[in-house]
Amino acid sequence: MAPASQPEFASFEFKPVALVESCFKSKFGIPRQPGLIAEARGSIVLLPPYNQPNIVRGLEDFSHIWVIFVFHEALREDWKATVRPPRLGGETRIGVFASRSPFRPMPIGLSALKLEKLNIAAHGRISLEVSGLDLLDGTPVLDIKPYLPYTDAIATAQGGFAKEAPAADALQVKCSEKATRQLEELRKAGRQDLVRLCLKMIAADPRPAYRREPQRQYSIFLEDYELIWKAGVETGQAEIMELRKNTSKK
């Protein structure tokens, strides 16, 4: 018997309803999952014609939201059926649908974020302040939904190859004299949140598991700063070298 013909499906075109204003200005260093670093904050700013108060009525009663977004800096014309997750050392291949890889047949992501505040300002600006962010600045948002604890949190769920959260203190972090002065200046300016974010991001070791060279220097772009750090000679150590004001646009 001849195989059935492939059914035809309609194609769909979606336009973003919002854009993300994130503390993360480049891909390297972004937490690999939402909620891992509570100090990672940003805003989801609604775009016209969705920037109207009625569209978010009642959302302030929820503590968390689902954000459906596009991996806009991972767009490719082709795709592969398997990927190599960093969590597995970058060597083992698994199916792309068994991963959270941004390189997907349809580059759509999903993040559960804490809703800190709903802002309805003048001139049509409506924004959602969120924390536990894992999204790049400028990320297009396709939809926003409330997180429902009674159905979205599944106590008996299994995590496959990612059974446990990665260590939050994988690296012991120290600071150079220059970085110590700069971080202290931020504390005095009331930016303890940014100081904690810097320290926690490095402690969590943002390097891919398969590319962790000792004494290599790295840069992470946070807000208006470039965080420069290097891995230690010994495994499990890192040093923040400098928090440089970033004049280039990322």
Protein backbone atom coordinates (compact mmCIF):
# COMPACT_ATOMS: atom_id res chain seq x y z
CA MET A 1 0.00 0.00 0.00
CA ALA A 2 1.35 3.38 -0.94
CA PRO A 3 2.08 5.71 2.00
CA ALA A 4 -0.47 8.38 2.71
CA SER A 5 0.35 11.76 1.25
CA GLN A 6 1.75 14.37 3.58
CA PRO A 7 -1.08 16.56 4.87
CA GLU A 8 -0.82 20.25 4.23
CA PHE A 9 -0.77 22.60 7.18
CA ALA A 10 -1.21 26.33 7.30
CA SER A 11 1.84 28.39 8.13
CA PHE A 12 1.64 31.02 10.82
CA GLU A 13 3.24 34.41 11.23
CA PHE A 14 3.46 35.93 14.70
CA LYS A 15 4.47 39.45 15.63
CA PRO A 16 5.90 40.26 19.07
CA VAL A 17 3.63 41.70 21.72
CA ALA A 18 6.55 42.99 23.81
CA LEU A 19 10.30 43.40 23.99
CA VAL A 20 12.62 42.50 26.85
CA GLU A 21 14.80 45.16 28.47
CA SER A 22 17.40 42.97 30.14
CA CYS A 23 20.49 43.43 32.25
CA PHE A 24 22.17 40.97 29.86
CA LYS A 25 23.58 42.75 26.82
CA SER A 26 25.35 39.74 25.25
CA LYS A 27 24.61 36.02 25.17
CA PHE A 28 27.64 34.82 27.11
CA GLY A 29 26.98 34.69 30.82
CA ILE A 30 23.18 34.53 30.69
CA PRO A 31 21.87 31.90 33.14
CA ARG A 32 21.00 28.72 31.25
CA GLN A 33 17.57 28.49 32.86
CA PRO A 34 15.17 31.01 34.44
CA GLY A 35 15.14 31.51 38.19
CA LEU A 36 18.72 30.40 38.81
CA ILE A 37 19.90 33.91 39.72
CA ALA A 38 17.20 35.96 41.44
CA GLU A 39 19.23 39.18 41.08
CA ALA A 40 18.97 38.99 37.27
CA ARG A 41 16.26 41.53 36.59
CA GLY A 42 14.68 43.32 33.67
CA SER A 43 11.43 44.54 32.17
CA ILE A 44 9.01 43.27 29.57
CA VAL A 45 7.71 46.32 27.70
CA LEU A 46 4.46 45.95 25.78
CA LEU A 47 4.36 47.14 22.18
CA PRO A 48 1.47 48.88 20.40
CA PRO A 49 -1.38 48.01 20.10
CA TYR A 50 -0.98 45.81 23.19
CA ASN A 51 0.20 48.63 25.48
CA GLN A 52 -3.18 49.21 27.08
CA PRO A 53 -4.08 48.72 30.74
CA ASN A 54 -6.95 46.31 30.10
CA ILE A 55 -4.63 43.72 28.57
CA VAL A 56 -2.84 43.17 31.90
CA ARG A 57 -5.85 43.60 34.19
CA GLY A 58 -5.57 41.07 37.03
CA LEU A 59 -2.02 40.02 36.23
CA GLU A 60 -0.71 41.74 39.38
CA ASP A 61 -2.42 39.02 41.44
CA PHE A 62 0.04 36.40 40.15
CA SER A 63 3.55 35.98 41.54
CA HIS A 64 5.04 34.41 38.39
CA ILE A 65 4.43 34.46 34.66
CA TRP A 66 5.21 32.33 31.63
CA VAL A 67 7.00 34.23 28.88
CA ILE A 68 6.98 32.78 25.37
CA PHE A 69 9.74 34.34 23.28
CA VAL A 70 11.93 34.05 20.19
CA PHE A 71 15.63 33.15 20.28
CA HIS A 72 16.30 36.09 18.00
CA GLU A 73 20.08 35.69 17.98
CA ALA A 74 19.93 31.96 17.27
CA LEU A 75 18.04 32.11 13.97
CA ARG A 76 19.24 29.66 11.33
CA GLU A 77 17.85 28.55 7.99
CA ASP A 78 18.64 24.90 8.73
CA TRP A 79 18.34 22.79 11.86
CA LYS A 80 19.72 19.52 13.20
CA ALA A 81 17.81 16.69 14.82
CA THR A 82 20.39 16.32 17.61
CA VAL A 83 22.30 18.75 19.81
CA ARG A 84 25.10 18.50 22.38
CA PRO A 85 23.96 20.03 25.67
CA PRO A 86 26.69 21.75 27.73
CA ARG A 87 25.28 19.94 30.76
CA LEU A 88 26.49 16.65 29.23
CA GLY A 89 29.97 17.97 28.55
CA GLY A 90 29.35 18.99 24.95
CA GLU A 91 30.11 15.49 23.61
CA THR A 92 26.89 13.50 24.01
CA ARG A 93 24.18 14.06 21.43
CA ILE A 94 20.48 13.96 22.25
CA GLY A 95 17.37 14.87 20.29
CA VAL A 96 16.71 18.58 20.01
CA PHE A 97 13.21 18.04 21.43
CA ALA A 98 14.84 16.48 24.51
CA SER A 99 16.85 19.67 25.10
CA ARG A 100 16.47 23.37 25.88
CA SER A 101 18.84 24.33 23.08
CA PRO A 102 18.06 27.67 21.36
CA PHE A 103 18.90 26.07 17.99
CA ARG A 104 15.55 24.48 17.19
CA PRO A 105 13.33 23.85 14.16
CA MET A 106 11.18 26.68 15.53
CA PRO A 107 13.37 28.99 17.67
CA ILE A 108 10.79 29.56 20.40
CA GLY A 109 11.59 29.56 24.12
CA LEU A 110 9.62 29.47 27.35
CA SER A 111 10.65 30.97 30.69
CA ALA A 112 8.90 31.11 34.05
CA LEU A 113 9.80 34.44 35.66
CA LYS A 114 8.90 36.13 38.92
CA LEU A 115 6.66 39.15 38.41
CA GLU A 116 8.02 41.82 40.71
CA LYS A 117 5.85 44.74 39.65
CA LEU A 118 3.38 45.84 37.01
CA ASN A 119 4.01 49.39 35.80
CA ILE A 120 1.38 51.42 33.94
CA ALA A 121 2.95 54.76 33.12
CA ALA A 122 2.10 57.74 30.96
CA HIS A 123 2.40 57.82 27.17
CA GLY A 124 1.30 54.20 26.79
CA ARG A 125 4.28 52.57 28.47
CA ILE A 126 3.26 49.37 30.22
CA SER A 127 6.01 47.17 31.57
CA LEU A 128 6.38 44.09 33.73
CA GLU A 129 9.36 44.09 36.07
CA VAL A 130 10.67 40.55 36.40
CA SER A 131 13.45 38.72 38.21
CA GLY A 132 15.20 35.40 37.71
CA LEU A 133 15.70 36.57 34.13
CA ASP A 134 17.45 34.41 31.52
CA LEU A 135 16.74 36.52 28.43
CA LEU A 136 18.93 38.70 26.25
CA ASP A 137 18.22 42.40 25.89
CA GLY A 138 15.88 42.99 22.95
CA THR A 139 14.30 39.53 23.02
CA PRO A 140 10.92 39.55 21.22
CA VAL A 141 8.05 38.24 23.35
CA LEU A 142 5.19 36.39 21.63
CA ASP A 143 2.91 35.88 24.62
CA ILE A 144 2.61 36.25 28.38
CA LYS A 145 0.56 33.89 30.56
CA PRO A 146 0.08 33.60 34.32
CA TYR A 147 1.88 30.77 36.12
CA LEU A 148 -0.63 28.51 37.89
CA PRO A 149 1.00 26.64 40.82
CA TYR A 150 -1.72 23.98 41.07
CA THR A 151 -1.08 22.73 37.55
CA ASP A 152 2.28 24.12 36.41
CA ALA A 153 4.32 22.73 39.34
CA ILE A 154 4.45 18.94 39.03
CA ALA A 155 5.95 17.38 42.14
CA THR A 156 6.50 13.95 40.52
CA ALA A 157 8.18 15.24 37.36
CA GLN A 158 11.48 13.68 36.24
CA GLY A 159 14.37 15.76 34.92
CA GLY A 160 16.11 13.38 32.53
CA PHE A 161 19.78 14.27 32.17
CA ALA A 162 19.25 17.48 34.20
CA LYS A 163 17.99 15.99 37.43
CA GLU A 164 19.34 18.74 39.68
CA ALA A 165 20.01 22.45 39.40
CA PRO A 166 23.63 23.34 38.57
CA ALA A 167 25.75 24.37 41.53
CA ALA A 168 25.25 28.04 42.41
CA ASP A 169 28.71 28.16 43.97
CA ALA A 170 30.72 26.17 41.42
CA LEU A 171 33.53 28.74 41.59
CA GLN A 172 35.11 30.44 44.56
CA VAL A 173 35.26 34.10 43.53
CA LYS A 174 37.82 36.68 44.58
CA CYS A 175 38.34 40.21 43.31
CA SER A 176 41.39 42.15 42.23
CA GLU A 177 42.18 45.35 44.11
CA LYS A 178 40.73 47.37 41.26
CA ALA A 179 37.53 45.31 41.13
CA THR A 180 37.18 45.50 44.91
CA ARG A 181 37.26 49.32 44.74
CA GLN A 182 34.78 49.39 41.86
CA LEU A 183 32.32 47.07 43.56
CA GLU A 184 32.57 49.08 46.76
CA GLU A 185 31.75 52.24 44.80
CA LEU A 186 28.65 50.51 43.44
CA ARG A 187 27.60 49.51 46.96
CA LYS A 188 27.94 53.10 48.14
CA ALA A 189 25.84 54.20 45.17
CA GLY A 190 23.05 51.87 46.27
CA ARG A 191 23.73 49.21 43.62
CA GLN A 192 24.13 46.24 45.94
CA ASP A 193 21.88 44.35 43.51
CA LEU A 194 24.41 44.74 40.69
CA VAL A 195 27.27 43.72 42.98
CA ARG A 196 25.42 40.55 44.00
CA LEU A 197 24.58 39.82 40.36
CA CYS A 198 28.24 40.08 39.34
CA LEU A 199 29.39 37.77 42.12
CA LYS A 200 26.64 35.21 41.62
CA MET A 201 27.08 35.02 37.85
CA ILE A 202 30.77 34.22 38.17
CA ALA A 203 30.22 31.83 41.08
CA ALA A 204 27.77 29.86 38.93
CA ASP A 205 30.51 29.44 36.26
CA PRO A 206 28.94 30.61 32.96
CA ARG A 207 31.54 28.79 30.84
CA PRO A 208 30.44 25.81 28.73
CA ALA A 209 31.28 22.57 30.52
CA TYR A 210 33.51 21.50 27.64
CA ARG A 211 35.49 24.76 27.41
CA ARG A 212 36.92 25.60 30.81
CA GLU A 213 40.50 26.67 30.31
CA PRO A 214 42.48 27.82 33.36
CA GLN A 215 43.52 31.49 33.44
CA ARG A 216 41.53 32.36 30.34
CA GLN A 217 39.98 35.84 30.48
CA TYR A 218 36.28 36.39 29.79
CA SER A 219 33.89 39.33 29.44
CA ILE A 220 30.24 39.56 30.40
CA PHE A 221 28.18 42.61 29.43
CA LEU A 222 25.80 43.65 32.21
CA GLU A 223 23.72 46.80 31.99
CA ASP A 224 26.24 49.54 31.10
CA TYR A 225 29.27 47.59 32.28
CA GLU A 226 31.75 45.04 31.01
CA LEU A 227 32.56 42.52 33.72
CA ILE A 228 36.05 41.17 33.09
CA TRP A 229 37.09 38.02 34.93
CA LYS A 230 39.38 35.06 34.54
CA ALA A 231 39.41 31.45 35.61
CA GLY A 232 41.91 30.52 38.30
CA VAL A 233 44.90 28.26 37.95
CA GLU A 234 43.23 25.80 40.28
CA THR A 235 39.90 24.20 39.42
CA GLY A 236 36.99 25.87 41.15
CA GLN A 237 38.51 29.36 41.37
CA ALA A 238 37.87 32.62 39.55
CA GLU A 239 38.88 36.26 39.88
CA ILE A 240 36.97 39.38 38.89
CA MET A 241 39.55 41.69 37.34
CA GLU A 242 37.54 44.80 36.52
CA LEU A 243 34.06 46.23 36.07
CA ARG A 244 34.60 48.55 33.14
CA LYS A 245 32.08 51.14 31.98
CA ASN A 246 30.98 49.95 28.57
CA THR A 247 30.82 52.66 25.91
CA SER A 248 30.02 50.35 22.99
CA LYS A 249 26.44 49.26 22.30
CA LYS A 250 25.77 45.57 22.74
